[in-house]
Amino acid sequence: MKNPAFYLVRNPLQYLLTFFTELGAITSFTKTAVLSAFFPPYKRSITRRHMDEIGVGSLPIVTLTGLFMGLVLALQSIVELRNIGATSYIGRPIGTTVIRELGPVLSSMMVAARAGSAIAAELASMSINEQIDAFRAEGSDPIKKLVEPRLVACTFTMPLLTAICDCVAFVGGWIVAHTVIQISSAFYWDSVLEVLTPAFVWGGLLKALVFGFLIGIVSCYSGMKTGFGSSGVGEATTRAVVLAAISILAFDFLLTKLFIVTWW
């Protein structure tokens, strides 16, 4: 039996064609979902329910992520700042790193792992049980009824979760700064607030907004395009988490490049 890498090398055009076919399908799906969100009827009650499930349900894991992120970042910053005798300014690197990069990225990763996988699994189960086909048969639009509320909920709850994650991370950094190197609370918070410029804050929240949109689109697409059988649910869930994580990292690079040129 030949190594699978043999087929990858021998048929690169096939894999390239599959990639662009999938990319085109996701783009078409995204266009349909976005256009659907701008036309009535609006599923406000369903959207609020999904915002509660995604936002409130993800709050514990996002809070823990922010806390340990702040603790670890503070400890690492102490090691580096001690070499140049600037440990008293530990709030500046923590504030900059959390608000610009780690806060939006790590909180989005946690939401993708928890809420994104749940969305993909739920829609995949509905697809396997032919519930989505039943919606089409009765004249309902599955995109409007199933995708739009989840997409809107993911998009607009992600900035709120990111803001909470950032605040908790600052508290974690304060705990280390106050207990390990005995920096006064006032000095720590002043140094943090010095770097929280409007450009940094809005840039981080805009990243979270884009990441939330990506999580919603990728999760819904993976769930709606699942295969048959119980294995299809697992494949859809895995694909949703992996694609969401890769999309978040790729767009984080693109947005950071854009912000450096324009704002930062």
C-alpha atoms as a PDB file:
ATOM      1  CA  MET A   1       0.000   0.000   0.000  1.00  0.00           C
ATOM      2  CA  LYS A   2       1.415   3.358  -1.045  1.00  0.00           C
ATOM      3  CA  ASN A   3       1.972   6.226   1.324  1.00  0.00           C
ATOM      4  CA  PRO A   4      -0.879   8.815   1.210  1.00  0.00           C
ATOM      5  CA  ALA A   5       1.761  11.462   0.559  1.00  0.00           C
ATOM      6  CA  PHE A   6       2.374   9.757  -2.802  1.00  0.00           C
ATOM      7  CA  TYR A   7      -1.114  10.646  -3.986  1.00  0.00           C
ATOM      8  CA  LEU A   8      -0.768  14.182  -2.646  1.00  0.00           C
ATOM      9  CA  VAL A   9       2.384  14.716  -4.692  1.00  0.00           C
ATOM     10  CA  ARG A  10       1.111  12.885  -7.755  1.00  0.00           C
ATOM     11  CA  ASN A  11      -2.232  14.699  -7.977  1.00  0.00           C
ATOM     12  CA  PRO A  12      -1.575  18.264  -6.815  1.00  0.00           C
ATOM     13  CA  LEU A  13      -4.043  19.682  -9.335  1.00  0.00           C
ATOM     14  CA  GLN A  14      -6.836  17.578  -7.887  1.00  0.00           C
ATOM     15  CA  TYR A  15      -6.215  18.927  -4.394  1.00  0.00           C
ATOM     16  CA  LEU A  16      -5.880  22.457  -5.727  1.00  0.00           C
ATOM     17  CA  LEU A  17      -9.182  22.084  -7.578  1.00  0.00           C
ATOM     18  CA  THR A  18     -10.849  20.747  -4.440  1.00  0.00           C
ATOM     19  CA  PHE A  19      -9.520  23.691  -2.422  1.00  0.00           C
ATOM     20  CA  PHE A  20     -10.847  26.323  -4.827  1.00  0.00           C
ATOM     21  CA  THR A  21     -14.154  24.482  -5.186  1.00  0.00           C
ATOM     22  CA  GLU A  22     -14.583  24.504  -1.414  1.00  0.00           C
ATOM     23  CA  LEU A  23     -13.518  28.145  -1.246  1.00  0.00           C
ATOM     24  CA  GLY A  24     -16.101  29.056  -3.870  1.00  0.00           C
ATOM     25  CA  ALA A  25     -18.818  27.158  -1.995  1.00  0.00           C
ATOM     26  CA  ILE A  26     -17.996  28.931   1.276  1.00  0.00           C
ATOM     27  CA  THR A  27     -17.968  32.302  -0.499  1.00  0.00           C
ATOM     28  CA  SER A  28     -21.374  31.646  -2.055  1.00  0.00           C
ATOM     29  CA  PHE A  29     -22.722  30.464   1.308  1.00  0.00           C
ATOM     30  CA  THR A  30     -21.364  33.598   3.004  1.00  0.00           C
ATOM     31  CA  LYS A  31     -22.941  35.871   0.401  1.00  0.00           C
ATOM     32  CA  THR A  32     -26.333  34.213   0.822  1.00  0.00           C
ATOM     33  CA  ALA A  33     -26.169  34.376   4.618  1.00  0.00           C
ATOM     34  CA  VAL A  34     -25.082  38.036   4.706  1.00  0.00           C
ATOM     35  CA  LEU A  35     -27.752  39.156   2.245  1.00  0.00           C
ATOM     36  CA  SER A  36     -30.367  37.223   4.214  1.00  0.00           C
ATOM     37  CA  ALA A  37     -29.522  39.198   7.359  1.00  0.00           C
ATOM     38  CA  PHE A  38     -30.498  42.486   5.703  1.00  0.00           C
ATOM     39  CA  PHE A  39     -33.992  41.482   4.653  1.00  0.00           C
ATOM     40  CA  PRO A  40     -37.067  40.690   6.798  1.00  0.00           C
ATOM     41  CA  PRO A  41     -38.424  38.748   8.488  1.00  0.00           C
ATOM     42  CA  TYR A  42     -35.875  39.081  11.275  1.00  0.00           C
ATOM     43  CA  LYS A  43     -35.619  36.213  13.745  1.00  0.00           C
ATOM     44  CA  ARG A  44     -35.006  38.426  16.792  1.00  0.00           C
ATOM     45  CA  SER A  45     -36.245  36.000  19.439  1.00  0.00           C
ATOM     46  CA  ILE A  46     -34.187  33.140  17.993  1.00  0.00           C
ATOM     47  CA  THR A  47     -31.156  35.410  17.696  1.00  0.00           C
ATOM     48  CA  ARG A  48     -31.466  36.498  21.339  1.00  0.00           C
ATOM     49  CA  ARG A  49     -31.664  32.864  22.413  1.00  0.00           C
ATOM     50  CA  HIS A  50     -28.491  32.018  20.503  1.00  0.00           C
ATOM     51  CA  MET A  51     -26.732  35.098  21.882  1.00  0.00           C
ATOM     52  CA  ASP A  52     -27.547  33.850  25.359  1.00  0.00           C
ATOM     53  CA  GLU A  53     -26.283  30.352  24.547  1.00  0.00           C
ATOM     54  CA  ILE A  54     -23.085  31.592  22.924  1.00  0.00           C
ATOM     55  CA  GLY A  55     -22.359  34.607  25.130  1.00  0.00           C
ATOM     56  CA  VAL A  56     -23.434  33.493  28.582  1.00  0.00           C
ATOM     57  CA  GLY A  57     -22.506  29.874  27.902  1.00  0.00           C
ATOM     58  CA  SER A  58     -18.970  30.826  26.827  1.00  0.00           C
ATOM     59  CA  LEU A  59     -18.443  33.305  29.666  1.00  0.00           C
ATOM     60  CA  PRO A  60     -16.832  30.849  32.151  1.00  0.00           C
ATOM     61  CA  ILE A  61     -14.254  29.502  29.715  1.00  0.00           C
ATOM     62  CA  VAL A  62     -13.480  32.968  28.342  1.00  0.00           C
ATOM     63  CA  THR A  63     -13.045  34.324  31.867  1.00  0.00           C
ATOM     64  CA  LEU A  64     -10.664  31.521  32.820  1.00  0.00           C
ATOM     65  CA  THR A  65      -8.755  32.035  29.580  1.00  0.00           C
ATOM     66  CA  GLY A  66      -8.340  35.735  30.326  1.00  0.00           C
ATOM     67  CA  LEU A  67      -7.260  35.110  33.917  1.00  0.00           C
ATOM     68  CA  PHE A  68      -4.536  32.587  33.120  1.00  0.00           C
ATOM     69  CA  MET A  69      -3.465  34.596  30.076  1.00  0.00           C
ATOM     70  CA  GLY A  70      -2.873  37.624  32.304  1.00  0.00           C
ATOM     71  CA  LEU A  71      -1.067  35.585  34.961  1.00  0.00           C
ATOM     72  CA  VAL A  72       1.281  33.881  32.502  1.00  0.00           C
ATOM     73  CA  LEU A  73       1.908  37.040  30.489  1.00  0.00           C
ATOM     74  CA  ALA A  74       2.819  38.953  33.646  1.00  0.00           C
ATOM     75  CA  LEU A  75       5.259  36.262  34.778  1.00  0.00           C
ATOM     76  CA  GLN A  76       6.930  36.186  31.367  1.00  0.00           C
ATOM     77  CA  SER A  77       7.092  39.968  31.240  1.00  0.00           C
ATOM     78  CA  ILE A  78       8.809  40.102  34.623  1.00  0.00           C
ATOM     79  CA  VAL A  79      11.609  37.868  33.334  1.00  0.00           C
ATOM     80  CA  GLU A  80      12.281  40.094  30.326  1.00  0.00           C
ATOM     81  CA  LEU A  81      11.781  43.462  32.038  1.00  0.00           C
ATOM     82  CA  ARG A  82      14.033  42.490  34.927  1.00  0.00           C
ATOM     83  CA  ASN A  83      16.989  42.330  32.513  1.00  0.00           C
ATOM     84  CA  ILE A  84      16.616  46.029  31.708  1.00  0.00           C
ATOM     85  CA  GLY A  85      15.464  47.139  35.143  1.00  0.00           C
ATOM     86  CA  ALA A  86      11.966  48.131  34.030  1.00  0.00           C
ATOM     87  CA  THR A  87       9.723  45.733  35.962  1.00  0.00           C
ATOM     88  CA  SER A  88       7.717  48.647  37.362  1.00  0.00           C
ATOM     89  CA  TYR A  89       6.332  49.255  33.861  1.00  0.00           C
ATOM     90  CA  ILE A  90       4.929  45.763  33.525  1.00  0.00           C
ATOM     91  CA  GLY A  91       1.445  47.126  32.818  1.00  0.00           C
ATOM     92  CA  ARG A  92       2.464  48.531  29.442  1.00  0.00           C
ATOM     93  CA  PRO A  93       3.423  45.254  27.679  1.00  0.00           C
ATOM     94  CA  ILE A  94       0.467  43.480  29.273  1.00  0.00           C
ATOM     95  CA  GLY A  95      -1.982  46.138  28.110  1.00  0.00           C
ATOM     96  CA  THR A  96      -0.585  46.291  24.580  1.00  0.00           C
ATOM     97  CA  THR A  97      -0.304  42.540  24.036  1.00  0.00           C
ATOM     98  CA  VAL A  98      -3.699  41.674  25.500  1.00  0.00           C
ATOM     99  CA  ILE A  99      -5.746  44.373  23.810  1.00  0.00           C
ATOM    100  CA  ARG A 100      -4.154  44.019  20.380  1.00  0.00           C
ATOM    101  CA  GLU A 101      -3.492  40.301  19.995  1.00  0.00           C
ATOM    102  CA  LEU A 102      -3.954  37.738  22.743  1.00  0.00           C
ATOM    103  CA  GLY A 103      -7.374  38.896  23.933  1.00  0.00           C
ATOM    104  CA  PRO A 104      -9.193  38.708  20.574  1.00  0.00           C
ATOM    105  CA  VAL A 105      -7.352  35.607  19.335  1.00  0.00           C
ATOM    106  CA  LEU A 106      -7.505  33.394  22.434  1.00  0.00           C
ATOM    107  CA  SER A 107     -11.087  34.290  23.348  1.00  0.00           C
ATOM    108  CA  SER A 108     -12.160  33.586  19.756  1.00  0.00           C
ATOM    109  CA  MET A 109     -10.358  30.252  19.804  1.00  0.00           C
ATOM    110  CA  MET A 110     -12.224  29.267  22.964  1.00  0.00           C
ATOM    111  CA  VAL A 111     -15.581  30.308  21.510  1.00  0.00           C
ATOM    112  CA  ALA A 112     -14.816  28.415  18.294  1.00  0.00           C
ATOM    113  CA  ALA A 113     -13.981  25.293  20.286  1.00  0.00           C
ATOM    114  CA  ARG A 114     -17.097  25.516  22.447  1.00  0.00           C
ATOM    115  CA  ALA A 115     -19.861  27.320  20.543  1.00  0.00           C
ATOM    116  CA  GLY A 116     -18.622  26.718  17.003  1.00  0.00           C
ATOM    117  CA  SER A 117     -18.432  22.976  17.490  1.00  0.00           C
ATOM    118  CA  ALA A 118     -21.902  22.963  19.063  1.00  0.00           C
ATOM    119  CA  ILE A 119     -23.379  24.880  16.119  1.00  0.00           C
ATOM    120  CA  ALA A 120     -21.775  22.542  13.594  1.00  0.00           C
ATOM    121  CA  ALA A 121     -22.919  19.436  15.478  1.00  0.00           C
ATOM    122  CA  GLU A 122     -26.494  20.730  15.831  1.00  0.00           C
ATOM    123  CA  LEU A 123     -26.862  21.643  12.169  1.00  0.00           C
ATOM    124  CA  ALA A 124     -25.164  18.410  11.076  1.00  0.00           C
ATOM    125  CA  SER A 125     -27.638  16.376  13.135  1.00  0.00           C
ATOM    126  CA  MET A 126     -30.529  18.285  11.592  1.00  0.00           C
ATOM    127  CA  SER A 127     -29.130  17.676   8.125  1.00  0.00           C
ATOM    128  CA  ILE A 128     -28.694  13.936   8.726  1.00  0.00           C
ATOM    129  CA  ASN A 129     -32.234  13.680  10.123  1.00  0.00           C
ATOM    130  CA  GLU A 130     -33.518  15.501   7.014  1.00  0.00           C
ATOM    131  CA  GLN A 131     -34.960  18.339   9.076  1.00  0.00           C
ATOM    132  CA  ILE A 132     -33.316  20.886   6.776  1.00  0.00           C
ATOM    133  CA  ASP A 133     -34.947  19.225   3.766  1.00  0.00           C
ATOM    134  CA  ALA A 134     -38.244  19.407   5.632  1.00  0.00           C
ATOM    135  CA  PHE A 135     -37.818  23.192   6.009  1.00  0.00           C
ATOM    136  CA  ARG A 136     -37.320  23.494   2.262  1.00  0.00           C
ATOM    137  CA  ALA A 137     -40.319  21.275   1.568  1.00  0.00           C
ATOM    138  CA  GLU A 138     -42.617  23.478   3.651  1.00  0.00           C
ATOM    139  CA  GLY A 139     -41.365  26.628   1.924  1.00  0.00           C
ATOM    140  CA  SER A 140     -39.054  27.915   4.674  1.00  0.00           C
ATOM    141  CA  ASP A 141     -35.549  29.155   3.974  1.00  0.00           C
ATOM    142  CA  PRO A 142     -33.003  27.181   6.049  1.00  0.00           C
ATOM    143  CA  ILE A 143     -30.482  29.991   5.729  1.00  0.00           C
ATOM    144  CA  LYS A 144     -32.941  32.500   7.154  1.00  0.00           C
ATOM    145  CA  LYS A 145     -34.189  30.227   9.906  1.00  0.00           C
ATOM    146  CA  LEU A 146     -31.037  28.372  10.948  1.00  0.00           C
ATOM    147  CA  VAL A 147     -27.946  30.219   9.761  1.00  0.00           C
ATOM    148  CA  GLU A 148     -28.803  33.903  10.116  1.00  0.00           C
ATOM    149  CA  PRO A 149     -29.608  33.883  13.871  1.00  0.00           C
ATOM    150  CA  ARG A 150     -26.462  31.909  14.708  1.00  0.00           C
ATOM    151  CA  LEU A 151     -24.296  34.100  12.490  1.00  0.00           C
ATOM    152  CA  VAL A 152     -25.611  37.345  13.984  1.00  0.00           C
ATOM    153  CA  ALA A 153     -25.286  35.959  17.506  1.00  0.00           C
ATOM    154  CA  CYS A 154     -21.656  34.897  16.991  1.00  0.00           C
ATOM    155  CA  THR A 155     -20.724  38.178  15.334  1.00  0.00           C
ATOM    156  CA  PHE A 156     -22.075  40.517  17.992  1.00  0.00           C
ATOM    157  CA  THR A 157     -21.319  38.509  21.140  1.00  0.00           C
ATOM    158  CA  MET A 158     -17.649  38.013  20.302  1.00  0.00           C
ATOM    159  CA  PRO A 159     -16.587  41.654  20.963  1.00  0.00           C
ATOM    160  CA  LEU A 160     -18.353  41.570  24.343  1.00  0.00           C
ATOM    161  CA  LEU A 161     -16.646  38.321  25.302  1.00  0.00           C
ATOM    162  CA  THR A 162     -13.307  39.715  24.157  1.00  0.00           C
ATOM    163  CA  ALA A 163     -13.763  42.856  26.256  1.00  0.00           C
ATOM    164  CA  ILE A 164     -14.483  40.701  29.317  1.00  0.00           C
ATOM    165  CA  CYS A 165     -11.469  38.497  28.561  1.00  0.00           C
ATOM    166  CA  ASP A 166      -9.239  41.577  28.285  1.00  0.00           C
ATOM    167  CA  CYS A 167     -10.446  43.020  31.592  1.00  0.00           C
ATOM    168  CA  VAL A 168      -9.928  39.722  33.410  1.00  0.00           C
ATOM    169  CA  ALA A 169      -6.438  39.421  31.870  1.00  0.00           C
ATOM    170  CA  PHE A 170      -5.556  42.861  33.243  1.00  0.00           C
ATOM    171  CA  VAL A 171      -6.725  41.713  36.669  1.00  0.00           C
ATOM    172  CA  GLY A 172      -4.552  38.594  36.363  1.00  0.00           C
ATOM    173  CA  GLY A 173      -1.562  40.764  35.490  1.00  0.00           C
ATOM    174  CA  TRP A 174      -2.300  43.006  38.465  1.00  0.00           C
ATOM    175  CA  ILE A 175      -2.352  39.993  40.816  1.00  0.00           C
ATOM    176  CA  VAL A 176       1.144  38.956  39.715  1.00  0.00           C
ATOM    177  CA  ALA A 177       2.500  42.508  39.656  1.00  0.00           C
ATOM    178  CA  HIS A 178       1.149  43.268  43.125  1.00  0.00           C
ATOM    179  CA  THR A 179       2.180  40.011  44.789  1.00  0.00           C
ATOM    180  CA  VAL A 180       5.439  39.081  43.024  1.00  0.00           C
ATOM    181  CA  ILE A 181       7.185  42.415  42.487  1.00  0.00           C
ATOM    182  CA  GLN A 182       5.077  44.520  44.898  1.00  0.00           C
ATOM    183  CA  ILE A 183       4.046  47.219  42.432  1.00  0.00           C
ATOM    184  CA  SER A 184       1.393  49.571  43.746  1.00  0.00           C
ATOM    185  CA  SER A 185      -2.063  49.091  42.283  1.00  0.00           C
ATOM    186  CA  ALA A 186      -2.342  52.723  41.199  1.00  0.00           C
ATOM    187  CA  PHE A 187       0.955  52.623  39.278  1.00  0.00           C
ATOM    188  CA  TYR A 188       0.045  49.348  37.572  1.00  0.00           C
ATOM    189  CA  TRP A 189      -3.353  50.526  36.379  1.00  0.00           C
ATOM    190  CA  ASP A 190      -1.951  53.881  35.264  1.00  0.00           C
ATOM    191  CA  SER A 191       0.632  52.116  33.107  1.00  0.00           C
ATOM    192  CA  VAL A 192      -2.057  49.852  31.636  1.00  0.00           C
ATOM    193  CA  LEU A 193      -4.375  52.753  30.836  1.00  0.00           C
ATOM    194  CA  GLU A 194      -1.546  54.672  29.163  1.00  0.00           C
ATOM    195  CA  VAL A 195      -1.441  52.183  26.286  1.00  0.00           C
ATOM    196  CA  LEU A 196      -5.201  51.732  25.917  1.00  0.00           C
ATOM    197  CA  THR A 197      -5.544  54.286  23.162  1.00  0.00           C
ATOM    198  CA  PRO A 198      -8.775  54.417  21.117  1.00  0.00           C
ATOM    199  CA  ALA A 199      -6.958  52.922  18.117  1.00  0.00           C
ATOM    200  CA  PHE A 200      -5.801  49.912  20.141  1.00  0.00           C
ATOM    201  CA  VAL A 201      -9.190  49.374  21.777  1.00  0.00           C
ATOM    202  CA  TRP A 202     -11.258  49.690  18.618  1.00  0.00           C
ATOM    203  CA  GLY A 203      -8.731  47.647  16.665  1.00  0.00           C
ATOM    204  CA  GLY A 204      -9.006  44.771  19.132  1.00  0.00           C
ATOM    205  CA  LEU A 205     -12.804  44.906  19.167  1.00  0.00           C
ATOM    206  CA  LEU A 206     -12.935  45.042  15.379  1.00  0.00           C
ATOM    207  CA  LYS A 207     -10.777  41.935  15.259  1.00  0.00           C
ATOM    208  CA  ALA A 208     -13.182  40.205  17.628  1.00  0.00           C
ATOM    209  CA  LEU A 209     -16.121  41.215  15.425  1.00  0.00           C
ATOM    210  CA  VAL A 210     -14.469  39.695  12.353  1.00  0.00           C
ATOM    211  CA  PHE A 211     -13.470  36.562  14.257  1.00  0.00           C
ATOM    212  CA  GLY A 212     -17.044  36.115  15.504  1.00  0.00           C
ATOM    213  CA  PHE A 213     -18.316  36.379  11.938  1.00  0.00           C
ATOM    214  CA  LEU A 214     -15.790  33.781  10.791  1.00  0.00           C
ATOM    215  CA  ILE A 215     -16.772  31.397  13.583  1.00  0.00           C
ATOM    216  CA  GLY A 216     -20.448  31.711  12.658  1.00  0.00           C
ATOM    217  CA  ILE A 217     -19.919  31.233   8.921  1.00  0.00           C
ATOM    218  CA  VAL A 218     -17.504  28.323   9.187  1.00  0.00           C
ATOM    219  CA  SER A 219     -19.554  26.516  11.836  1.00  0.00           C
ATOM    220  CA  CYS A 220     -22.841  26.879   9.960  1.00  0.00           C
ATOM    221  CA  TYR A 221     -21.284  25.886   6.639  1.00  0.00           C
ATOM    222  CA  SER A 222     -19.649  22.804   8.139  1.00  0.00           C
ATOM    223  CA  GLY A 223     -22.913  21.750   9.746  1.00  0.00           C
ATOM    224  CA  MET A 224     -25.062  22.343   6.666  1.00  0.00           C
ATOM    225  CA  LYS A 225     -22.638  20.549   4.321  1.00  0.00           C
ATOM    226  CA  THR A 226     -22.145  17.443   6.429  1.00  0.00           C
ATOM    227  CA  GLY A 227     -22.050  13.875   5.184  1.00  0.00           C
ATOM    228  CA  PHE A 228     -24.387  11.064   6.132  1.00  0.00           C
ATOM    229  CA  GLY A 229     -24.261   8.900   9.215  1.00  0.00           C
ATOM    230  CA  SER A 230     -23.044   9.474  12.725  1.00  0.00           C
ATOM    231  CA  SER A 231     -19.492   9.957  11.457  1.00  0.00           C
ATOM    232  CA  GLY A 232     -20.704  12.974   9.498  1.00  0.00           C
ATOM    233  CA  VAL A 233     -21.470  14.849  12.719  1.00  0.00           C
ATOM    234  CA  GLY A 234     -17.976  14.231  14.051  1.00  0.00           C
ATOM    235  CA  GLU A 235     -16.381  15.261  10.760  1.00  0.00           C
ATOM    236  CA  ALA A 236     -18.470  18.430  10.620  1.00  0.00           C
ATOM    237  CA  THR A 237     -17.548  19.345  14.187  1.00  0.00           C
ATOM    238  CA  THR A 238     -13.841  18.736  13.625  1.00  0.00           C
ATOM    239  CA  ARG A 239     -13.876  20.638  10.340  1.00  0.00           C
ATOM    240  CA  ALA A 240     -15.645  23.598  11.939  1.00  0.00           C
ATOM    241  CA  VAL A 241     -13.120  23.945  14.774  1.00  0.00           C
ATOM    242  CA  VAL A 242     -10.058  23.464  12.554  1.00  0.00           C
ATOM    243  CA  LEU A 243     -11.240  25.832   9.809  1.00  0.00           C
ATOM    244  CA  ALA A 244     -12.334  28.439  12.346  1.00  0.00           C
ATOM    245  CA  ALA A 245      -8.942  28.326  14.077  1.00  0.00           C
ATOM    246  CA  ILE A 246      -7.036  28.625  10.803  1.00  0.00           C
ATOM    247  CA  SER A 247      -9.315  31.436   9.613  1.00  0.00           C
ATOM    248  CA  ILE A 248      -8.845  33.344  12.870  1.00  0.00           C
ATOM    249  CA  LEU A 249      -5.049  33.123  12.638  1.00  0.00           C
ATOM    250  CA  ALA A 250      -4.998  34.069   8.950  1.00  0.00           C
ATOM    251  CA  PHE A 251      -7.296  37.063   9.367  1.00  0.00           C
ATOM    252  CA  ASP A 252      -5.431  38.106  12.508  1.00  0.00           C
ATOM    253  CA  PHE A 253      -2.326  38.509  10.363  1.00  0.00           C
ATOM    254  CA  LEU A 254      -4.198  40.418   7.660  1.00  0.00           C
ATOM    255  CA  LEU A 255      -5.945  42.735  10.114  1.00  0.00           C
ATOM    256  CA  THR A 256      -2.744  43.368  12.064  1.00  0.00           C
ATOM    257  CA  LYS A 257      -0.984  44.302   8.844  1.00  0.00           C
ATOM    258  CA  LEU A 258      -3.844  46.631   7.929  1.00  0.00           C
ATOM    259  CA  PHE A 259      -3.965  48.276  11.355  1.00  0.00           C
ATOM    260  CA  ILE A 260      -0.197  48.814  11.456  1.00  0.00           C
ATOM    261  CA  VAL A 261      -0.390  50.655   8.137  1.00  0.00           C
ATOM    262  CA  THR A 262      -3.479  52.726   8.977  1.00  0.00           C
ATOM    263  CA  TRP A 263      -3.906  53.110  12.783  1.00  0.00           C
ATOM    264  CA  TRP A 264      -0.951  51.778  14.725  1.00  0.00           C
END
